[in-house]
C-alpha atoms as a PDB file:
ATOM      1  CA  MET A   1     124.622 126.065 116.951  1.00  0.00           C
ATOM      2  CA  PRO A   2     123.352 125.242 120.451  1.00  0.00           C
ATOM      3  CA  THR A   3     124.546 121.858 121.680  1.00  0.00           C
ATOM      4  CA  LEU A   4     121.040 120.370 122.004  1.00  0.00           C
ATOM      5  CA  GLU A   5     120.071 121.334 118.463  1.00  0.00           C
ATOM      6  CA  LYS A   6     123.313 119.827 117.183  1.00  0.00           C
ATOM      7  CA  ARG A   7     122.526 116.588 119.006  1.00  0.00           C
ATOM      8  CA  ILE A   8     119.110 116.466 117.331  1.00  0.00           C
ATOM      9  CA  ARG A   9     120.740 116.984 113.941  1.00  0.00           C
ATOM     10  CA  ASP A  10     123.321 114.298 114.672  1.00  0.00           C
ATOM     11  CA  LEU A  11     120.490 111.837 115.363  1.00  0.00           C
ATOM     12  CA  ALA A  12     118.848 112.437 111.975  1.00  0.00           C
ATOM     13  CA  PRO A  13     116.995 111.192 110.022  1.00  0.00           C
ATOM     14  CA  TRP A  14     113.822 111.688 112.052  1.00  0.00           C
ATOM     15  CA  HIS A  15     110.442 110.237 111.100  1.00  0.00           C
ATOM     16  CA  LEU A  16     108.179 111.950 113.679  1.00  0.00           C
ATOM     17  CA  GLU A  17     108.036 115.447 115.074  1.00  0.00           C
ATOM     18  CA  VAL A  18     108.297 115.230 118.853  1.00  0.00           C
ATOM     19  CA  GLU A  19     108.792 117.938 121.442  1.00  0.00           C
ATOM     20  CA  VAL A  20     112.274 117.584 122.926  1.00  0.00           C
ATOM     21  CA  GLN A  21     111.966 120.471 125.333  1.00  0.00           C
ATOM     22  CA  PRO A  22     109.412 123.297 125.459  1.00  0.00           C
ATOM     23  CA  GLY A  23     109.626 125.213 122.186  1.00  0.00           C
ATOM     24  CA  LEU A  24     112.068 122.763 120.583  1.00  0.00           C
ATOM     25  CA  THR A  25     111.092 119.763 118.448  1.00  0.00           C
ATOM     26  CA  THR A  26     112.840 117.186 116.298  1.00  0.00           C
ATOM     27  CA  ALA A  27     111.968 119.347 113.270  1.00  0.00           C
ATOM     28  CA  VAL A  28     115.274 121.190 113.745  1.00  0.00           C
ATOM     29  CA  GLY A  29     117.018 117.964 112.730  1.00  0.00           C
ATOM     30  CA  VAL A  30     115.256 117.628 109.380  1.00  0.00           C
ATOM     31  CA  ASP A  31     117.036 118.850 106.262  1.00  0.00           C
ATOM     32  CA  GLY A  32     115.784 119.062 102.699  1.00  0.00           C
ATOM     33  CA  ASP A  33     115.672 115.367 101.793  1.00  0.00           C
ATOM     34  CA  ASN A  34     115.851 113.765 105.277  1.00  0.00           C
ATOM     35  CA  ASP A  35     117.446 110.677 103.664  1.00  0.00           C
ATOM     36  CA  ASP A  36     114.133 109.756 101.977  1.00  0.00           C
ATOM     37  CA  VAL A  37     112.450 109.340 105.365  1.00  0.00           C
ATOM     38  CA  SER A  38     108.993 110.894 105.608  1.00  0.00           C
ATOM     39  CA  PHE A  39     108.552 113.382 108.447  1.00  0.00           C
ATOM     40  CA  PHE A  40     105.302 114.467 110.077  1.00  0.00           C
ATOM     41  CA  ASP A  41     103.573 115.338 113.353  1.00  0.00           C
ATOM     42  CA  ASP A  42     101.211 112.539 114.410  1.00  0.00           C
ATOM     43  CA  ARG A  43     100.580 113.541 118.026  1.00  0.00           C
ATOM     44  CA  SER A  44      97.121 115.037 117.491  1.00  0.00           C
ATOM     45  CA  ARG A  45      95.881 112.090 115.445  1.00  0.00           C
ATOM     46  CA  PHE A  46      97.262 109.624 118.010  1.00  0.00           C
ATOM     47  CA  ARG A  47      95.390 111.371 120.791  1.00  0.00           C
ATOM     48  CA  THR A  48      92.174 111.220 118.762  1.00  0.00           C
ATOM     49  CA  LEU A  49      92.767 107.560 117.941  1.00  0.00           C
ATOM     50  CA  ILE A  50      93.256 106.643 121.611  1.00  0.00           C
ATOM     51  CA  ALA A  51      90.154 108.595 122.622  1.00  0.00           C
ATOM     52  CA  GLU A  52      88.100 106.593 120.124  1.00  0.00           C
ATOM     53  CA  ALA A  53      89.799 103.191 120.478  1.00  0.00           C
ATOM     54  CA  VAL A  54      90.190 103.240 124.259  1.00  0.00           C
ATOM     55  CA  PRO A  55      87.169 105.193 125.585  1.00  0.00           C
ATOM     56  CA  GLN A  56      88.166 104.433 129.173  1.00  0.00           C
ATOM     57  CA  GLY A  57      91.497 106.176 128.517  1.00  0.00           C
ATOM     58  CA  LEU A  58      95.081 105.106 129.137  1.00  0.00           C
ATOM     59  CA  ASP A  59      95.184 106.215 132.750  1.00  0.00           C
ATOM     60  CA  GLY A  60      96.953 103.498 134.741  1.00  0.00           C
ATOM     61  CA  ARG A  61      97.299 101.206 131.720  1.00  0.00           C
ATOM     62  CA  ARG A  62     100.429  99.544 130.349  1.00  0.00           C
ATOM     63  CA  PHE A  63     101.223 100.381 126.722  1.00  0.00           C
ATOM     64  CA  LEU A  64     103.244  98.315 124.226  1.00  0.00           C
ATOM     65  CA  ASP A  65     104.633  99.899 121.060  1.00  0.00           C
ATOM     66  CA  CYS A  66     105.851  97.393 118.465  1.00  0.00           C
ATOM     67  CA  ALA A  67     108.416  98.793 115.997  1.00  0.00           C
ATOM     68  CA  CYS A  68     108.403 101.991 118.030  1.00  0.00           C
ATOM     69  CA  ASN A  69     110.683 104.109 115.828  1.00  0.00           C
ATOM     70  CA  CYS A  70     111.815 107.082 117.983  1.00  0.00           C
ATOM     71  CA  GLY A  71     109.445 106.174 120.813  1.00  0.00           C
ATOM     72  CA  ALA A  72     107.015 109.011 120.112  1.00  0.00           C
ATOM     73  CA  TYR A  73     103.838 107.004 120.670  1.00  0.00           C
ATOM     74  CA  SER A  74     105.038 105.731 124.039  1.00  0.00           C
ATOM     75  CA  LEU A  75     105.897 109.271 125.106  1.00  0.00           C
ATOM     76  CA  TRP A  76     102.478 110.490 123.964  1.00  0.00           C
ATOM     77  CA  ALA A  77     100.819 107.543 125.724  1.00  0.00           C
ATOM     78  CA  ARG A  78     102.471 108.687 128.932  1.00  0.00           C
ATOM     79  CA  GLU A  79     101.026 112.160 128.365  1.00  0.00           C
ATOM     80  CA  LEU A  80      97.619 110.457 128.286  1.00  0.00           C
ATOM     81  CA  GLY A  81      98.201 108.742 131.612  1.00  0.00           C
ATOM     82  CA  ALA A  82      99.716 105.357 130.727  1.00  0.00           C
ATOM     83  CA  SER A  83     101.467 103.980 133.799  1.00  0.00           C
ATOM     84  CA  GLU A  84     104.261 102.193 131.954  1.00  0.00           C
ATOM     85  CA  CYS A  85     105.325 101.974 128.315  1.00  0.00           C
ATOM     86  CA  PHE A  86     107.635  99.573 126.514  1.00  0.00           C
ATOM     87  CA  GLY A  87     108.782 100.157 122.958  1.00  0.00           C
ATOM     88  CA  PHE A  88     111.100  98.094 120.816  1.00  0.00           C
ATOM     89  CA  ASP A  89     112.532  98.362 117.330  1.00  0.00           C
ATOM     90  CA  VAL A  90     114.905  96.190 115.377  1.00  0.00           C
ATOM     91  CA  ARG A  91     116.976  99.209 114.300  1.00  0.00           C
ATOM     92  CA  GLU A  92     119.422 100.681 116.796  1.00  0.00           C
ATOM     93  CA  HIS A  93     119.150 104.137 115.216  1.00  0.00           C
ATOM     94  CA  TRP A  94     115.518 104.574 116.264  1.00  0.00           C
ATOM     95  CA  ILE A  95     116.128 103.325 119.795  1.00  0.00           C
ATOM     96  CA  GLU A  96     119.007 105.747 120.191  1.00  0.00           C
ATOM     97  CA  GLN A  97     116.540 108.516 119.308  1.00  0.00           C
ATOM     98  CA  ALA A  98     113.995 107.120 121.786  1.00  0.00           C
ATOM     99  CA  HIS A  99     116.524 107.075 124.637  1.00  0.00           C
ATOM    100  CA  PHE A 100     117.526 110.642 123.791  1.00  0.00           C
ATOM    101  CA  LEU A 101     113.928 111.892 123.799  1.00  0.00           C
ATOM    102  CA  ALA A 102     113.081 110.129 127.057  1.00  0.00           C
ATOM    103  CA  GLU A 103     116.154 111.587 128.720  1.00  0.00           C
ATOM    104  CA  GLN A 104     115.469 115.119 127.516  1.00  0.00           C
ATOM    105  CA  ARG A 105     111.822 114.931 128.578  1.00  0.00           C
ATOM    106  CA  GLY A 106     112.706 113.466 131.980  1.00  0.00           C
ATOM    107  CA  GLU A 107     110.597 110.398 131.220  1.00  0.00           C
ATOM    108  CA  GLN A 108     111.332 107.470 133.545  1.00  0.00           C
ATOM    109  CA  CYS A 109     108.350 105.213 132.849  1.00  0.00           C
ATOM    110  CA  CYS A 110     109.165 104.474 129.204  1.00  0.00           C
ATOM    111  CA  ARG A 111     111.589 101.651 128.428  1.00  0.00           C
ATOM    112  CA  PHE A 112     113.047 101.117 124.962  1.00  0.00           C
ATOM    113  CA  GLU A 113     115.086  98.219 123.607  1.00  0.00           C
ATOM    114  CA  VAL A 114     116.678  97.157 120.330  1.00  0.00           C
ATOM    115  CA  CYS A 115     114.889  93.907 119.577  1.00  0.00           C
ATOM    116  CA  ASP A 116     113.269  91.891 116.800  1.00  0.00           C
ATOM    117  CA  LEU A 117     109.614  91.053 117.379  1.00  0.00           C
ATOM    118  CA  TYR A 118     110.420  87.368 116.984  1.00  0.00           C
ATOM    119  CA  ASP A 119     113.038  87.579 119.758  1.00  0.00           C
ATOM    120  CA  LEU A 120     111.178  89.559 122.418  1.00  0.00           C
ATOM    121  CA  PRO A 121     112.253  88.923 126.014  1.00  0.00           C
ATOM    122  CA  GLU A 122     109.733  87.624 128.525  1.00  0.00           C
ATOM    123  CA  LEU A 123     107.290  90.437 129.277  1.00  0.00           C
ATOM    124  CA  GLU A 124     104.245  90.962 131.449  1.00  0.00           C
ATOM    125  CA  PRO A 125     101.034  91.541 129.459  1.00  0.00           C
ATOM    126  CA  PHE A 126     100.058  95.034 128.359  1.00  0.00           C
ATOM    127  CA  ASP A 127      96.605  96.583 128.314  1.00  0.00           C
ATOM    128  CA  VAL A 128      96.960  98.371 124.977  1.00  0.00           C
ATOM    129  CA  THR A 129      99.258  97.457 122.080  1.00  0.00           C
ATOM    130  CA  LEU A 130     100.159  99.573 119.064  1.00  0.00           C
ATOM    131  CA  PHE A 131     101.154  97.411 116.075  1.00  0.00           C
ATOM    132  CA  LYS A 132     101.931 100.194 113.615  1.00  0.00           C
ATOM    133  CA  GLY A 133     104.163  99.982 110.557  1.00  0.00           C
ATOM    134  CA  ILE A 134     105.375  96.445 111.189  1.00  0.00           C
ATOM    135  CA  PHE A 135     102.858  93.872 109.861  1.00  0.00           C
ATOM    136  CA  TYR A 136     103.927  94.307 106.216  1.00  0.00           C
ATOM    137  CA  HIS A 137     107.636  94.046 107.071  1.00  0.00           C
ATOM    138  CA  LEU A 138     107.360  90.583 108.598  1.00  0.00           C
ATOM    139  CA  PRO A 139     108.216  87.359 106.721  1.00  0.00           C
ATOM    140  CA  ASP A 140     105.596  85.569 108.857  1.00  0.00           C
ATOM    141  CA  PRO A 141     103.098  88.301 109.796  1.00  0.00           C
ATOM    142  CA  MET A 142     100.578  85.937 111.413  1.00  0.00           C
ATOM    143  CA  ALA A 143     103.195  84.549 113.799  1.00  0.00           C
ATOM    144  CA  GLY A 144     104.401  88.065 114.543  1.00  0.00           C
ATOM    145  CA  LEU A 145     100.923  89.387 115.200  1.00  0.00           C
ATOM    146  CA  LYS A 146     100.259  86.424 117.495  1.00  0.00           C
ATOM    147  CA  ILE A 147     103.274  87.381 119.612  1.00  0.00           C
ATOM    148  CA  ALA A 148     101.856  90.881 120.082  1.00  0.00           C
ATOM    149  CA  ALA A 149      98.305  89.614 120.621  1.00  0.00           C
ATOM    150  CA  ASP A 150      99.414  87.179 123.310  1.00  0.00           C
ATOM    151  CA  LEU A 151     100.876  90.160 125.185  1.00  0.00           C
ATOM    152  CA  THR A 152      97.654  92.203 124.887  1.00  0.00           C
ATOM    153  CA  ARG A 153      94.938  92.103 127.552  1.00  0.00           C
ATOM    154  CA  GLU A 154      92.439  94.582 126.129  1.00  0.00           C
ATOM    155  CA  THR A 155      93.013  96.461 122.875  1.00  0.00           C
ATOM    156  CA  LEU A 156      95.299  96.079 119.865  1.00  0.00           C
ATOM    157  CA  ILE A 157      95.609  98.839 117.274  1.00  0.00           C
ATOM    158  CA  LEU A 158      96.967  97.632 113.925  1.00  0.00           C
ATOM    159  CA  ASN A 159      98.110 100.121 111.301  1.00  0.00           C
ATOM    160  CA  THR A 160      99.700  98.775 108.133  1.00  0.00           C
ATOM    161  CA  ALA A 161     100.519  99.574 104.540  1.00  0.00           C
ATOM    162  CA  MET A 162      98.182  97.703 102.187  1.00  0.00           C
ATOM    163  CA  ARG A 163      98.090  96.752  98.516  1.00  0.00           C
ATOM    164  CA  SER A 164      95.277  98.634  96.810  1.00  0.00           C
ATOM    165  CA  GLY A 165      93.380  97.474  93.741  1.00  0.00           C
ATOM    166  CA  GLU A 166      93.513  93.758  94.597  1.00  0.00           C
ATOM    167  CA  PRO A 167      90.690  91.467  95.778  1.00  0.00           C
ATOM    168  CA  ASP A 168      90.302  91.695  99.554  1.00  0.00           C
ATOM    169  CA  GLY A 169      91.281  88.797 101.770  1.00  0.00           C
ATOM    170  CA  ARG A 170      94.775  88.230 100.415  1.00  0.00           C
ATOM    171  CA  LEU A 171      98.386  88.803 101.427  1.00  0.00           C
ATOM    172  CA  VAL A 172     100.632  89.973  98.579  1.00  0.00           C
ATOM    173  CA  GLN A 173     104.339  89.202  98.841  1.00  0.00           C
ATOM    174  CA  TRP A 174     106.948  91.895  98.352  1.00  0.00           C
ATOM    175  CA  GLY A 175     110.694  92.139  98.887  1.00  0.00           C
ATOM    176  CA  SER A 176     111.799  94.899 101.257  1.00  0.00           C
ATOM    177  CA  THR A 177     115.217  96.560 101.157  1.00  0.00           C
ATOM    178  CA  ALA A 178     116.958  96.033 104.484  1.00  0.00           C
ATOM    179  CA  ALA A 179     119.368  98.915 103.840  1.00  0.00           C
ATOM    180  CA  HIS A 180     116.591 101.536 104.022  1.00  0.00           C
ATOM    181  CA  PRO A 181     115.916 102.715 107.607  1.00  0.00           C
ATOM    182  CA  MET A 182     112.132 102.660 107.106  1.00  0.00           C
ATOM    183  CA  GLN A 183     111.958  99.096 105.794  1.00  0.00           C
ATOM    184  CA  GLY A 184     112.234  95.706 107.442  1.00  0.00           C
ATOM    185  CA  VAL A 185     115.393  93.719 107.972  1.00  0.00           C
ATOM    186  CA  HIS A 186     114.211  90.303 106.787  1.00  0.00           C
ATOM    187  CA  GLY A 187     114.013  91.012 103.052  1.00  0.00           C
ATOM    188  CA  LEU A 188     110.487  89.593 102.801  1.00  0.00           C
ATOM    189  CA  GLY A 189     107.126  91.110 103.661  1.00  0.00           C
ATOM    190  CA  TRP A 190     103.408  90.792 102.920  1.00  0.00           C
ATOM    191  CA  TYR A 191     100.873  93.505 102.096  1.00  0.00           C
ATOM    192  CA  PRO A 192      97.265  92.801 103.096  1.00  0.00           C
ATOM    193  CA  THR A 193      94.786  93.711 100.368  1.00  0.00           C
ATOM    194  CA  GLY A 194      92.186  95.020 102.802  1.00  0.00           C
ATOM    195  CA  PRO A 195      90.451  94.406 106.119  1.00  0.00           C
ATOM    196  CA  GLY A 196      89.288  90.993 104.894  1.00  0.00           C
ATOM    197  CA  ALA A 197      92.881  89.799 105.151  1.00  0.00           C
ATOM    198  CA  ILE A 198      93.324  91.080 108.704  1.00  0.00           C
ATOM    199  CA  GLU A 199      90.011  90.625 110.513  1.00  0.00           C
ATOM    200  CA  PRO A 200      89.986  86.790 110.444  1.00  0.00           C
ATOM    201  CA  ILE A 201      93.491  86.728 111.916  1.00  0.00           C
ATOM    202  CA  LEU A 202      92.544  89.084 114.733  1.00  0.00           C
ATOM    203  CA  ARG A 203      89.434  87.063 115.534  1.00  0.00           C
ATOM    204  CA  TRP A 204      91.459  83.841 115.489  1.00  0.00           C
ATOM    205  CA  LEU A 205      93.783  85.513 117.992  1.00  0.00           C
ATOM    206  CA  GLY A 206      90.903  86.017 120.412  1.00  0.00           C
ATOM    207  CA  PHE A 207      89.667  89.538 119.675  1.00  0.00           C
ATOM    208  CA  SER A 208      85.884  89.422 119.688  1.00  0.00           C
ATOM    209  CA  HIS A 209      85.304  92.932 118.326  1.00  0.00           C
ATOM    210  CA  VAL A 210      87.267  94.141 115.283  1.00  0.00           C
ATOM    211  CA  GLN A 211      86.629  97.491 113.600  1.00  0.00           C
ATOM    212  CA  GLU A 212      88.166  99.198 110.591  1.00  0.00           C
ATOM    213  CA  THR A 213      88.978 102.789 111.585  1.00  0.00           C
ATOM    214  CA  PHE A 214      90.875 104.091 108.556  1.00  0.00           C
ATOM    215  CA  ARG A 215      91.578 103.125 104.951  1.00  0.00           C
ATOM    216  CA  ASP A 216      93.361 105.051 102.194  1.00  0.00           C
ATOM    217  CA  GLU A 217      93.502 103.455  98.741  1.00  0.00           C
ATOM    218  CA  THR A 218      94.457 106.511  96.703  1.00  0.00           C
ATOM    219  CA  ASP A 219      97.812 104.921  95.763  1.00  0.00           C
ATOM    220  CA  VAL A 220      98.833 101.372  94.850  1.00  0.00           C
ATOM    221  CA  ILE A 221     100.323 101.123  98.329  1.00  0.00           C
ATOM    222  CA  GLY A 222      97.626 102.467 100.623  1.00  0.00           C
ATOM    223  CA  ARG A 223      97.069 102.404 104.373  1.00  0.00           C
ATOM    224  CA  LEU A 224      94.769 100.460 106.662  1.00  0.00           C
ATOM    225  CA  GLU A 225      94.027 100.790 110.366  1.00  0.00           C
ATOM    226  CA  MET A 226      91.983  98.393 112.503  1.00  0.00           C
ATOM    227  CA  VAL A 227      91.191  98.299 116.221  1.00  0.00           C
ATOM    228  CA  ALA A 228      90.593  94.984 117.984  1.00  0.00           C
ATOM    229  CA  HIS A 229      89.166  94.428 121.470  1.00  0.00           C
ATOM    230  CA  ARG A 230      89.083  91.333 123.661  1.00  0.00           C
END
């Protein structure tokens, strides 16, 4: 097995398909069960999302990726012209993947660190923030979202799991399993029951325009995406 492919396999499990080098993606590191970690290609949808959420584009803008996983969204943001990207994740495994991908792609304007949202170092503000897959893992999601919002000059994109079939406007407690690589590390999280639980928080944080861009309630645990602008 070629050395590079072996390195990709050694870094499994992977959550996102990302091009490592031309003609080679992280898909070569995915086996049959992938350790119960979902695997998919989200590059096309991310590009569409940015085109709709940030009509002026990312060219010359600073991009923050909270709970960045393997760093894919930062790398794709750079493809769209972002001048500088910073991604962090509380799990060392994902940041090791991010460093590997950045190195293989020759990317020097993406920085990745192992860090908890609540313990972020001092950072300069970013123009666009992606807050994806983290809200519902936080024991105090409003405080966590405020940290990200305070670092955001223009646009914040929030994508979260949600609890379907409940009255909107609530947060429903659940206990996450810290041992699973796709769950939080605090052992406590909160599912919003719809946009009514999120919009007031975003407006309180100073975002004057808040729009729901995606909702899937086909399962008990669905998905919600909202875009907020200053």
